[in-house]
PDB file of N, CA and C in Angstrom:
ATOM      1  N   MET A   1       0.840  -0.752   0.133  1.00  0.00           N
ATOM      2  CA  MET A   1       0.635   0.020  -0.264  1.00  0.00           C
ATOM      3  C   MET A   1       0.887   1.492  -0.121  1.00  0.00           C
ATOM      4  N   LYS A   2       0.338   1.887  -0.660  1.00  0.00           N
ATOM      5  CA  LYS A   2       1.454   3.343  -0.859  1.00  0.00           C
ATOM      6  C   LYS A   2       0.876   4.063   0.453  1.00  0.00           C
ATOM      7  N   ARG A   3       2.432   5.137   0.535  1.00  0.00           N
ATOM      8  CA  ARG A   3       1.945   5.917   1.571  1.00  0.00           C
ATOM      9  C   ARG A   3       0.901   7.337   1.262  1.00  0.00           C
ATOM     10  N   LEU A   4       0.110   7.462   2.060  1.00  0.00           N
ATOM     11  CA  LEU A   4      -0.790   8.909   2.344  1.00  0.00           C
ATOM     12  C   LEU A   4       0.036  10.079   1.388  1.00  0.00           C
ATOM     13  N   PRO A   5       1.439  10.211   1.697  1.00  0.00           N
ATOM     14  CA  PRO A   5       1.552  11.823   0.721  1.00  0.00           C
ATOM     15  C   PRO A   5       2.068  11.083  -0.896  1.00  0.00           C
ATOM     16  N   MET A   6       1.430  10.015  -1.121  1.00  0.00           N
ATOM     17  CA  MET A   6       2.018   9.658  -2.224  1.00  0.00           C
ATOM     18  C   MET A   6       1.002   9.414  -2.912  1.00  0.00           C
ATOM     19  N   GLU A   7      -0.088   9.024  -2.279  1.00  0.00           N
ATOM     20  CA  GLU A   7      -1.489   8.498  -2.392  1.00  0.00           C
ATOM     21  C   GLU A   7      -2.262  10.609  -3.352  1.00  0.00           C
ATOM     22  N   LEU A   8      -1.465  11.592  -2.465  1.00  0.00           N
ATOM     23  CA  LEU A   8      -1.781  12.713  -2.613  1.00  0.00           C
ATOM     24  C   LEU A   8      -1.694  13.400  -3.791  1.00  0.00           C
ATOM     25  N   VAL A   9       0.471  12.967  -3.757  1.00  0.00           N
ATOM     26  CA  VAL A   9       0.953  13.636  -4.678  1.00  0.00           C
ATOM     27  C   VAL A   9       0.624  12.718  -7.016  1.00  0.00           C
ATOM     28  N   GLU A  10       0.599  11.743  -6.862  1.00  0.00           N
ATOM     29  CA  GLU A  10       0.035  11.256  -8.486  1.00  0.00           C
ATOM     30  C   GLU A  10      -1.229  11.527  -8.258  1.00  0.00           C
ATOM     31  N   PRO A  11      -1.865  11.356  -7.689  1.00  0.00           N
ATOM     32  CA  PRO A  11      -3.120  12.010  -8.464  1.00  0.00           C
ATOM     33  C   PRO A  11      -3.127  14.054  -9.069  1.00  0.00           C
ATOM     34  N   PHE A  12      -2.452  14.551  -7.962  1.00  0.00           N
ATOM     35  CA  PHE A  12      -2.318  15.691  -8.257  1.00  0.00           C
ATOM     36  C   PHE A  12      -1.590  15.933  -9.752  1.00  0.00           C
ATOM     37  N   PHE A  13      -0.474  15.759  -9.417  1.00  0.00           N
ATOM     38  CA  PHE A  13      -0.044  15.935 -11.338  1.00  0.00           C
ATOM     39  C   PHE A  13      -0.523  14.653 -12.226  1.00  0.00           C
ATOM     40  N   ALA A  14      -1.143  13.852 -11.861  1.00  0.00           N
ATOM     41  CA  ALA A  14      -1.418  13.290 -12.937  1.00  0.00           C
ATOM     42  C   ALA A  14      -2.519  14.196 -13.643  1.00  0.00           C
ATOM     43  N   ALA A  15      -3.885  14.736 -12.643  1.00  0.00           N
ATOM     44  CA  ALA A  15      -4.796  15.734 -13.033  1.00  0.00           C
ATOM     45  C   ALA A  15      -3.910  16.961 -13.824  1.00  0.00           C
ATOM     46  N   LEU A  16      -3.369  17.337 -13.165  1.00  0.00           N
ATOM     47  CA  LEU A  16      -2.551  18.780 -13.571  1.00  0.00           C
ATOM     48  C   LEU A  16      -2.562  18.432 -15.519  1.00  0.00           C
ATOM     49  N   GLY A  17      -1.130  17.351 -15.463  1.00  0.00           N
ATOM     50  CA  GLY A  17      -0.771  16.797 -16.851  1.00  0.00           C
ATOM     51  C   GLY A  17      -2.149  16.885 -17.526  1.00  0.00           C
ATOM     52  N   VAL A  18      -2.788  15.684 -17.385  1.00  0.00           N
ATOM     53  CA  VAL A  18      -4.216  16.177 -18.575  1.00  0.00           C
ATOM     54  C   VAL A  18      -4.807  17.511 -18.921  1.00  0.00           C
ATOM     55  N   VAL A  19      -4.917  18.349 -18.098  1.00  0.00           N
ATOM     56  CA  VAL A  19      -5.475  19.716 -18.143  1.00  0.00           C
ATOM     57  C   VAL A  19      -4.509  20.671 -18.665  1.00  0.00           C
ATOM     58  N   LEU A  20      -3.115  20.642 -18.200  1.00  0.00           N
ATOM     59  CA  LEU A  20      -2.096  21.464 -18.871  1.00  0.00           C
ATOM     60  C   LEU A  20      -1.968  20.955 -20.147  1.00  0.00           C
ATOM     61  N   GLY A  21      -1.680  19.672 -20.063  1.00  0.00           N
ATOM     62  CA  GLY A  21      -1.603  19.155 -21.843  1.00  0.00           C
ATOM     63  C   GLY A  21      -2.250  19.279 -22.555  1.00  0.00           C
ATOM     64  N   GLY A  22      -3.492  18.917 -22.019  1.00  0.00           N
ATOM     65  CA  GLY A  22      -4.846  18.826 -23.292  1.00  0.00           C
ATOM     66  C   GLY A  22      -4.656  20.364 -23.623  1.00  0.00           C
ATOM     67  N   ALA A  23      -4.985  21.169 -22.615  1.00  0.00           N
ATOM     68  CA  ALA A  23      -4.665  22.535 -23.058  1.00  0.00           C
ATOM     69  C   ALA A  23      -3.714  23.544 -24.020  1.00  0.00           C
ATOM     70  N   LEU A  24      -2.144  22.538 -23.914  1.00  0.00           N
ATOM     71  CA  LEU A  24      -1.471  23.727 -24.359  1.00  0.00           C
ATOM     72  C   LEU A  24      -1.305  22.803 -25.819  1.00  0.00           C
ATOM     73  N   ILE A  25      -1.549  21.482 -25.709  1.00  0.00           N
ATOM     74  CA  ILE A  25      -1.081  20.774 -27.388  1.00  0.00           C
ATOM     75  C   ILE A  25      -2.162  20.879 -27.989  1.00  0.00           C
ATOM     76  N   GLY A  26      -3.722  20.814 -27.440  1.00  0.00           N
ATOM     77  CA  GLY A  26      -5.026  21.591 -27.999  1.00  0.00           C
ATOM     78  C   GLY A  26      -4.932  22.589 -28.571  1.00  0.00           C
ATOM     79  N   SER A  27      -3.993  24.001 -28.132  1.00  0.00           N
ATOM     80  CA  SER A  27      -4.243  25.085 -28.930  1.00  0.00           C
ATOM     81  C   SER A  27      -3.330  25.158 -30.590  1.00  0.00           C
ATOM     82  N   LEU A  28      -2.679  23.892 -30.227  1.00  0.00           N
ATOM     83  CA  LEU A  28      -1.890  24.398 -31.718  1.00  0.00           C
ATOM     84  C   LEU A  28      -3.395  23.930 -33.051  1.00  0.00           C
ATOM     85  N   ALA A  29      -4.227  23.297 -32.346  1.00  0.00           N
ATOM     86  CA  ALA A  29      -5.399  23.780 -33.789  1.00  0.00           C
ATOM     87  C   ALA A  29      -5.371  24.821 -34.550  1.00  0.00           C
ATOM     88  N   THR A  30      -5.051  25.767 -33.458  1.00  0.00           N
ATOM     89  CA  THR A  30      -5.244  26.909 -34.611  1.00  0.00           C
ATOM     90  C   THR A  30      -4.145  27.451 -35.499  1.00  0.00           C
ATOM     91  N   LEU A  31      -3.026  26.706 -35.181  1.00  0.00           N
ATOM     92  CA  LEU A  31      -2.005  26.997 -36.268  1.00  0.00           C
ATOM     93  C   LEU A  31      -2.922  26.690 -37.401  1.00  0.00           C
ATOM     94  N   PHE A  32      -3.984  25.643 -37.612  1.00  0.00           N
ATOM     95  CA  PHE A  32      -4.420  25.379 -38.515  1.00  0.00           C
ATOM     96  C   PHE A  32      -6.192  26.389 -39.689  1.00  0.00           C
ATOM     97  N   ASN A  33      -6.390  26.943 -38.589  1.00  0.00           N
ATOM     98  CA  ASN A  33      -7.245  27.584 -38.887  1.00  0.00           C
ATOM     99  C   ASN A  33      -7.242  28.957 -37.989  1.00  0.00           C
ATOM    100  N   LYS A  34      -8.234  30.122 -38.365  1.00  0.00           N
ATOM    101  CA  LYS A  34      -7.961  31.787 -37.454  1.00  0.00           C
ATOM    102  C   LYS A  34      -8.797  31.462 -36.034  1.00  0.00           C
ATOM    103  N   GLY A  35      -8.071  31.816 -35.226  1.00  0.00           N
ATOM    104  CA  GLY A  35      -8.634  31.757 -33.839  1.00  0.00           C
ATOM    105  C   GLY A  35      -7.207  32.354 -33.045  1.00  0.00           C
ATOM    106  N   SER A  36      -7.496  32.510 -31.731  1.00  0.00           N
ATOM    107  CA  SER A  36      -6.817  33.459 -30.911  1.00  0.00           C
ATOM    108  C   SER A  36      -5.768  31.535 -30.329  1.00  0.00           C
ATOM    109  N   PRO A  37      -4.664  30.977 -29.849  1.00  0.00           N
ATOM    110  CA  PRO A  37      -4.221  30.474 -29.081  1.00  0.00           C
ATOM    111  C   PRO A  37      -4.392  30.484 -27.891  1.00  0.00           C
ATOM    112  N   LEU A  38      -4.614  31.321 -27.108  1.00  0.00           N
ATOM    113  CA  LEU A  38      -5.030  31.692 -25.541  1.00  0.00           C
ATOM    114  C   LEU A  38      -6.354  31.477 -25.054  1.00  0.00           C
ATOM    115  N   ALA A  39      -7.396  32.164 -26.311  1.00  0.00           N
ATOM    116  CA  ALA A  39      -8.676  32.378 -25.844  1.00  0.00           C
ATOM    117  C   ALA A  39      -8.646  30.858 -26.342  1.00  0.00           C
ATOM    118  N   THR A  40      -8.212  29.947 -26.930  1.00  0.00           N
ATOM    119  CA  THR A  40      -8.354  28.025 -27.130  1.00  0.00           C
ATOM    120  C   THR A  40      -7.994  27.243 -25.615  1.00  0.00           C
ATOM    121  N   MET A  41      -6.653  27.796 -25.868  1.00  0.00           N
ATOM    122  CA  MET A  41      -6.322  26.815 -24.666  1.00  0.00           C
ATOM    123  C   MET A  41      -7.023  27.669 -23.100  1.00  0.00           C
ATOM    124  N   LEU A  42      -7.852  28.644 -22.974  1.00  0.00           N
ATOM    125  CA  LEU A  42      -8.458  28.841 -21.770  1.00  0.00           C
ATOM    126  C   LEU A  42      -9.634  27.982 -22.162  1.00  0.00           C
ATOM    127  N   LEU A  43     -10.277  28.219 -23.412  1.00  0.00           N
ATOM    128  CA  LEU A  43     -11.428  27.128 -23.210  1.00  0.00           C
ATOM    129  C   LEU A  43     -11.396  25.594 -23.013  1.00  0.00           C
ATOM    130  N   LEU A  44     -10.285  25.400 -23.868  1.00  0.00           N
ATOM    131  CA  LEU A  44      -9.557  24.068 -23.269  1.00  0.00           C
ATOM    132  C   LEU A  44      -9.789  23.881 -21.698  1.00  0.00           C
ATOM    133  N   ALA A  45      -9.009  24.357 -21.037  1.00  0.00           N
ATOM    134  CA  ALA A  45      -8.724  24.212 -20.188  1.00  0.00           C
ATOM    135  C   ALA A  45     -10.106  24.228 -19.298  1.00  0.00           C
ATOM    136  N   ARG A  46     -10.993  25.450 -19.425  1.00  0.00           N
ATOM    137  CA  ARG A  46     -11.779  24.901 -18.309  1.00  0.00           C
ATOM    138  C   ARG A  46     -12.873  23.466 -18.797  1.00  0.00           C
ATOM    139  N   ASN A  47     -13.186  23.037 -20.214  1.00  0.00           N
ATOM    140  CA  ASN A  47     -13.403  22.427 -19.950  1.00  0.00           C
ATOM    141  C   ASN A  47     -12.876  20.600 -19.633  1.00  0.00           C
ATOM    142  N   MET A  48     -11.540  20.696 -19.859  1.00  0.00           N
ATOM    143  CA  MET A  48     -10.578  19.597 -19.707  1.00  0.00           C
ATOM    144  C   MET A  48     -10.970  19.314 -18.294  1.00  0.00           C
ATOM    145  N   LYS A  49     -11.083  20.174 -17.532  1.00  0.00           N
ATOM    146  CA  LYS A  49     -10.864  19.563 -15.533  1.00  0.00           C
ATOM    147  C   LYS A  49     -11.744  18.716 -15.675  1.00  0.00           C
ATOM    148  N   MET A  50     -13.355  18.756 -15.423  1.00  0.00           N
ATOM    149  CA  MET A  50     -13.602  17.569 -15.167  1.00  0.00           C
ATOM    150  C   MET A  50     -12.604  16.243 -16.117  1.00  0.00           C
ATOM    151  N   TRP A  51     -12.055  15.848 -17.095  1.00  0.00           N
ATOM    152  CA  TRP A  51     -11.797  15.409 -17.616  1.00  0.00           C
ATOM    153  C   TRP A  51     -10.653  14.353 -16.386  1.00  0.00           C
ATOM    154  N   GLY A  52     -10.185  15.326 -16.102  1.00  0.00           N
ATOM    155  CA  GLY A  52      -8.195  15.437 -15.000  1.00  0.00           C
ATOM    156  C   GLY A  52      -8.802  14.559 -14.591  1.00  0.00           C
ATOM    157  N   ILE A  53      -9.599  15.091 -13.467  1.00  0.00           N
ATOM    158  CA  ILE A  53     -10.278  14.972 -12.087  1.00  0.00           C
ATOM    159  C   ILE A  53     -10.579  12.924 -12.537  1.00  0.00           C
ATOM    160  N   LEU A  54     -11.012  12.557 -13.443  1.00  0.00           N
ATOM    161  CA  LEU A  54     -11.447  11.495 -13.924  1.00  0.00           C
ATOM    162  C   LEU A  54     -10.395  10.686 -14.118  1.00  0.00           C
ATOM    163  N   VAL A  55      -9.364  11.281 -14.998  1.00  0.00           N
ATOM    164  CA  VAL A  55      -8.653  10.348 -15.233  1.00  0.00           C
ATOM    165  C   VAL A  55      -7.734  10.476 -14.139  1.00  0.00           C
ATOM    166  N   ALA A  56      -7.460  10.881 -13.554  1.00  0.00           N
ATOM    167  CA  ALA A  56      -6.360  11.078 -11.920  1.00  0.00           C
ATOM    168  C   ALA A  56      -7.435   9.846 -10.516  1.00  0.00           C
ATOM    169  N   ILE A  57      -8.486   9.790 -10.866  1.00  0.00           N
ATOM    170  CA  ILE A  57      -9.162   9.255  -9.912  1.00  0.00           C
ATOM    171  C   ILE A  57      -9.071   7.536 -10.611  1.00  0.00           C
ATOM    172  N   GLY A  58      -8.578   7.582 -11.533  1.00  0.00           N
ATOM    173  CA  GLY A  58      -8.909   6.180 -12.350  1.00  0.00           C
ATOM    174  C   GLY A  58     -10.180   5.500 -12.563  1.00  0.00           C
ATOM    175  N   GLY A  59     -11.287   6.541 -13.152  1.00  0.00           N
ATOM    176  CA  GLY A  59     -12.672   6.226 -13.445  1.00  0.00           C
ATOM    177  C   GLY A  59     -13.766   6.355 -12.330  1.00  0.00           C
ATOM    178  N   THR A  60     -14.855   6.198 -12.491  1.00  0.00           N
ATOM    179  CA  THR A  60     -15.632   6.330 -11.622  1.00  0.00           C
ATOM    180  C   THR A  60     -15.958   4.935 -10.942  1.00  0.00           C
ATOM    181  N   MET A  61     -16.236   4.235 -11.588  1.00  0.00           N
ATOM    182  CA  MET A  61     -16.452   2.649 -10.907  1.00  0.00           C
ATOM    183  C   MET A  61     -15.320   2.099  -9.809  1.00  0.00           C
ATOM    184  N   PRO A  62     -14.879   2.300 -10.335  1.00  0.00           N
ATOM    185  CA  PRO A  62     -13.731   1.160  -9.175  1.00  0.00           C
ATOM    186  C   PRO A  62     -14.232   2.971  -7.689  1.00  0.00           C
ATOM    187  N   THR A  63     -13.866   4.148  -7.735  1.00  0.00           N
ATOM    188  CA  THR A  63     -14.121   5.292  -7.228  1.00  0.00           C
ATOM    189  C   THR A  63     -15.431   4.944  -6.488  1.00  0.00           C
ATOM    190  N   LEU A  64     -16.218   4.483  -6.922  1.00  0.00           N
ATOM    191  CA  LEU A  64     -17.879   4.285  -5.989  1.00  0.00           C
ATOM    192  C   LEU A  64     -17.761   3.246  -5.219  1.00  0.00           C
ATOM    193  N   ARG A  65     -17.215   1.603  -5.483  1.00  0.00           N
ATOM    194  CA  ARG A  65     -16.830   0.592  -4.994  1.00  0.00           C
ATOM    195  C   ARG A  65     -16.258   1.082  -3.659  1.00  0.00           C
ATOM    196  N   ILE A  66     -15.110   1.408  -3.798  1.00  0.00           N
ATOM    197  CA  ILE A  66     -14.263   2.448  -2.624  1.00  0.00           C
ATOM    198  C   ILE A  66     -15.281   2.647  -1.307  1.00  0.00           C
ATOM    199  N   ILE A  67     -16.064   3.960  -2.235  1.00  0.00           N
ATOM    200  CA  ILE A  67     -16.366   5.030  -0.695  1.00  0.00           C
ATOM    201  C   ILE A  67     -17.560   4.204  -0.826  1.00  0.00           C
ATOM    202  N   GLU A  68     -18.270   3.155  -2.021  1.00  0.00           N
ATOM    203  CA  GLU A  68     -19.840   2.246  -0.880  1.00  0.00           C
ATOM    204  C   GLU A  68     -19.406   1.215   0.490  1.00  0.00           C
ATOM    205  N   SER A  69     -18.576   0.626   0.469  1.00  0.00           N
ATOM    206  CA  SER A  69     -17.651  -0.058   1.281  1.00  0.00           C
ATOM    207  C   SER A  69     -16.576  -0.127   2.294  1.00  0.00           C
ATOM    208  N   GLY A  70     -16.407   1.507   2.413  1.00  0.00           N
ATOM    209  CA  GLY A  70     -15.899   2.243   3.155  1.00  0.00           C
ATOM    210  C   GLY A  70     -17.057   2.975   4.029  1.00  0.00           C
ATOM    211  N   LEU A  71     -18.421   2.889   3.452  1.00  0.00           N
ATOM    212  CA  LEU A  71     -19.503   3.745   3.800  1.00  0.00           C
ATOM    213  C   LEU A  71     -20.389   2.676   4.875  1.00  0.00           C
ATOM    214  N   PHE A  72     -20.725   1.911   3.711  1.00  0.00           N
ATOM    215  CA  PHE A  72     -21.627   1.081   4.842  1.00  0.00           C
ATOM    216  C   PHE A  72     -20.646  -0.320   5.513  1.00  0.00           C
ATOM    217  N   ASP A  73     -19.206  -0.926   4.450  1.00  0.00           N
ATOM    218  CA  ASP A  73     -19.053  -1.730   5.456  1.00  0.00           C
ATOM    219  C   ASP A  73     -17.915  -1.400   6.698  1.00  0.00           C
ATOM    220  N   GLY A  74     -17.930   0.211   6.747  1.00  0.00           N
ATOM    221  CA  GLY A  74     -17.265   0.179   8.201  1.00  0.00           C
ATOM    222  C   GLY A  74     -15.664   0.668   7.851  1.00  0.00           C
ATOM    223  N   GLN A  75     -15.325   0.011   6.893  1.00  0.00           N
ATOM    224  CA  GLN A  75     -13.876   0.829   6.086  1.00  0.00           C
ATOM    225  C   GLN A  75     -13.449   1.970   5.934  1.00  0.00           C
ATOM    226  N   LEU A  76     -13.259   2.488   7.287  1.00  0.00           N
ATOM    227  CA  LEU A  76     -13.038   4.292   6.858  1.00  0.00           C
ATOM    228  C   LEU A  76     -11.296   4.704   6.518  1.00  0.00           C
ATOM    229  N   GLY A  77     -10.563   3.305   6.607  1.00  0.00           N
ATOM    230  CA  GLY A  77      -9.008   3.911   6.080  1.00  0.00           C
ATOM    231  C   GLY A  77      -9.463   4.055   4.683  1.00  0.00           C
ATOM    232  N   LEU A  78     -10.150   2.937   3.688  1.00  0.00           N
ATOM    233  CA  LEU A  78     -10.577   3.053   2.616  1.00  0.00           C
ATOM    234  C   LEU A  78     -11.099   4.393   2.084  1.00  0.00           C
ATOM    235  N   LEU A  79     -11.891   4.966   2.480  1.00  0.00           N
ATOM    236  CA  LEU A  79     -12.869   6.191   2.838  1.00  0.00           C
ATOM    237  C   LEU A  79     -11.879   7.466   2.592  1.00  0.00           C
ATOM    238  N   LEU A  80     -11.203   7.236   3.663  1.00  0.00           N
ATOM    239  CA  LEU A  80     -10.219   8.317   3.696  1.00  0.00           C
ATOM    240  C   LEU A  80      -8.837   8.204   2.403  1.00  0.00           C
ATOM    241  N   ARG A  81      -8.537   7.094   2.161  1.00  0.00           N
ATOM    242  CA  ARG A  81      -7.494   7.202   1.296  1.00  0.00           C
ATOM    243  C   ARG A  81      -8.526   7.638   0.303  1.00  0.00           C
ATOM    244  N   GLN A  82      -9.327   7.025  -0.446  1.00  0.00           N
ATOM    245  CA  GLN A  82     -10.130   7.752  -1.434  1.00  0.00           C
ATOM    246  C   GLN A  82     -10.130   9.296  -1.421  1.00  0.00           C
ATOM    247  N   MET A  83     -10.675   9.308  -1.038  1.00  0.00           N
ATOM    248  CA  MET A  83     -10.940  11.356  -0.330  1.00  0.00           C
ATOM    249  C   MET A  83      -9.705  12.000  -1.010  1.00  0.00           C
ATOM    250  N   VAL A  84      -8.637  11.500  -0.302  1.00  0.00           N
ATOM    251  CA  VAL A  84      -7.198  12.078   0.021  1.00  0.00           C
ATOM    252  C   VAL A  84      -6.813  11.719  -2.102  1.00  0.00           C
ATOM    253  N   VAL A  85      -7.370  10.785  -2.704  1.00  0.00           N
ATOM    254  CA  VAL A  85      -6.809  10.584  -3.714  1.00  0.00           C
ATOM    255  C   VAL A  85      -8.019  11.608  -4.829  1.00  0.00           C
ATOM    256  N   ILE A  86      -9.612  11.948  -3.959  1.00  0.00           N
ATOM    257  CA  ILE A  86     -10.279  13.139  -4.736  1.00  0.00           C
ATOM    258  C   ILE A  86      -9.676  14.118  -4.557  1.00  0.00           C
ATOM    259  N   LEU A  87      -9.687  14.989  -3.151  1.00  0.00           N
ATOM    260  CA  LEU A  87      -9.069  15.906  -2.682  1.00  0.00           C
ATOM    261  C   LEU A  87      -7.323  16.369  -4.149  1.00  0.00           C
ATOM    262  N   GLY A  88      -6.553  15.150  -4.044  1.00  0.00           N
ATOM    263  CA  GLY A  88      -5.812  15.813  -4.844  1.00  0.00           C
ATOM    264  C   GLY A  88      -5.501  16.139  -6.013  1.00  0.00           C
ATOM    265  N   SER A  89      -6.395  15.207  -7.090  1.00  0.00           N
ATOM    266  CA  SER A  89      -7.091  15.040  -8.372  1.00  0.00           C
ATOM    267  C   SER A  89      -7.797  16.562  -9.016  1.00  0.00           C
ATOM    268  N   PHE A  90      -8.618  16.822  -7.588  1.00  0.00           N
ATOM    269  CA  PHE A  90      -9.253  18.355  -8.071  1.00  0.00           C
ATOM    270  C   PHE A  90      -8.100  19.309  -7.761  1.00  0.00           C
ATOM    271  N   ALA A  91      -7.425  19.343  -6.907  1.00  0.00           N
ATOM    272  CA  ALA A  91      -6.250  20.267  -6.291  1.00  0.00           C
ATOM    273  C   ALA A  91      -5.284  20.372  -8.038  1.00  0.00           C
ATOM    274  N   GLY A  92      -5.245  19.268  -8.377  1.00  0.00           N
ATOM    275  CA  GLY A  92      -4.081  19.474  -9.541  1.00  0.00           C
ATOM    276  C   GLY A  92      -5.097  20.134 -10.940  1.00  0.00           C
ATOM    277  N   ALA A  93      -6.415  19.146 -11.047  1.00  0.00           N
ATOM    278  CA  ALA A  93      -6.870  20.180 -11.808  1.00  0.00           C
ATOM    279  C   ALA A  93      -7.499  21.893 -11.588  1.00  0.00           C
ATOM    280  N   ASN A  94      -7.435  21.979 -10.763  1.00  0.00           N
ATOM    281  CA  ASN A  94      -7.699  23.771 -10.657  1.00  0.00           C
ATOM    282  C   ASN A  94      -6.611  24.161 -10.694  1.00  0.00           C
ATOM    283  N   VAL A  95      -5.364  23.921 -10.127  1.00  0.00           N
ATOM    284  CA  VAL A  95      -3.381  24.293 -10.356  1.00  0.00           C
ATOM    285  C   VAL A  95      -3.581  24.367 -11.593  1.00  0.00           C
ATOM    286  N   ALA A  96      -4.055  23.648 -12.423  1.00  0.00           N
ATOM    287  CA  ALA A  96      -3.616  23.648 -14.219  1.00  0.00           C
ATOM    288  C   ALA A  96      -4.532  25.047 -14.626  1.00  0.00           C
ATOM    289  N   TYR A  97      -5.970  24.659 -13.756  1.00  0.00           N
ATOM    290  CA  TYR A  97      -6.663  25.492 -15.291  1.00  0.00           C
ATOM    291  C   TYR A  97      -6.103  27.090 -14.770  1.00  0.00           C
ATOM    292  N   TRP A  98      -5.850  27.061 -13.283  1.00  0.00           N
ATOM    293  CA  TRP A  98      -4.823  28.492 -12.976  1.00  0.00           C
ATOM    294  C   TRP A  98      -3.668  29.070 -13.705  1.00  0.00           C
ATOM    295  N   LEU A  99      -2.974  27.705 -13.963  1.00  0.00           N
ATOM    296  CA  LEU A  99      -1.869  27.745 -14.381  1.00  0.00           C
ATOM    297  C   LEU A  99      -1.952  28.452 -15.499  1.00  0.00           C
ATOM    298  N   VAL A 100      -3.124  28.203 -16.857  1.00  0.00           N
ATOM    299  CA  VAL A 100      -3.429  28.600 -18.155  1.00  0.00           C
ATOM    300  C   VAL A 100      -4.188  29.406 -17.927  1.00  0.00           C
ATOM    301  N   VAL A 101      -5.163  30.343 -17.215  1.00  0.00           N
ATOM    302  CA  VAL A 101      -5.819  31.272 -16.994  1.00  0.00           C
ATOM    303  C   VAL A 101      -4.685  32.455 -16.931  1.00  0.00           C
ATOM    304  N   THR A 102      -3.723  32.392 -16.294  1.00  0.00           N
ATOM    305  CA  THR A 102      -2.267  33.129 -16.380  1.00  0.00           C
ATOM    306  C   THR A 102      -1.369  33.605 -17.035  1.00  0.00           C
ATOM    307  N   ILE A 103      -1.328  32.089 -17.400  1.00  0.00           N
ATOM    308  CA  ILE A 103      -0.498  32.390 -18.993  1.00  0.00           C
ATOM    309  C   ILE A 103      -1.351  32.916 -19.931  1.00  0.00           C
ATOM    310  N   ALA A 104      -2.365  33.058 -20.381  1.00  0.00           N
ATOM    311  CA  ALA A 104      -3.447  33.485 -21.098  1.00  0.00           C
ATOM    312  C   ALA A 104      -3.733  35.140 -20.407  1.00  0.00           C
ATOM    313  N   GLY A 105      -3.694  35.418 -19.721  1.00  0.00           N
ATOM    314  CA  GLY A 105      -3.684  36.681 -18.817  1.00  0.00           C
ATOM    315  C   GLY A 105      -4.854  37.189 -18.386  1.00  0.00           C
ATOM    316  N   VAL A 106      -5.581  36.281 -18.824  1.00  0.00           N
ATOM    317  CA  VAL A 106      -6.996  36.610 -17.849  1.00  0.00           C
ATOM    318  C   VAL A 106      -7.517  36.890 -16.148  1.00  0.00           C
ATOM    319  N   LYS A 107      -7.882  38.199 -16.526  1.00  0.00           N
ATOM    320  CA  LYS A 107      -8.131  38.041 -14.777  1.00  0.00           C
ATOM    321  C   LYS A 107      -9.495  37.557 -14.338  1.00  0.00           C
TER     322      LYS A 107
END
């Protein structure tokens, strides 16, 4: 079993990578059509936040099963660990969105 800080760091960077990488690479599409790369990057980052979270937690069904066993079977350790993973992924996706907003210069 992983240590608790590592269970926070891995989903954080996974979500950050999905949102930031998707927005940066996706904005290259504006090279082939007219448009602002920064505006496209901002739109993609906003739309990809939830995808980054879902990728970082590994899909929804295993997460729901772990939460169910934590609540109904009394396995609070599993529930706590899954909440840490979810919080880490939320933080990573939001930091990535903040970075894109900062790069785009939007207030």
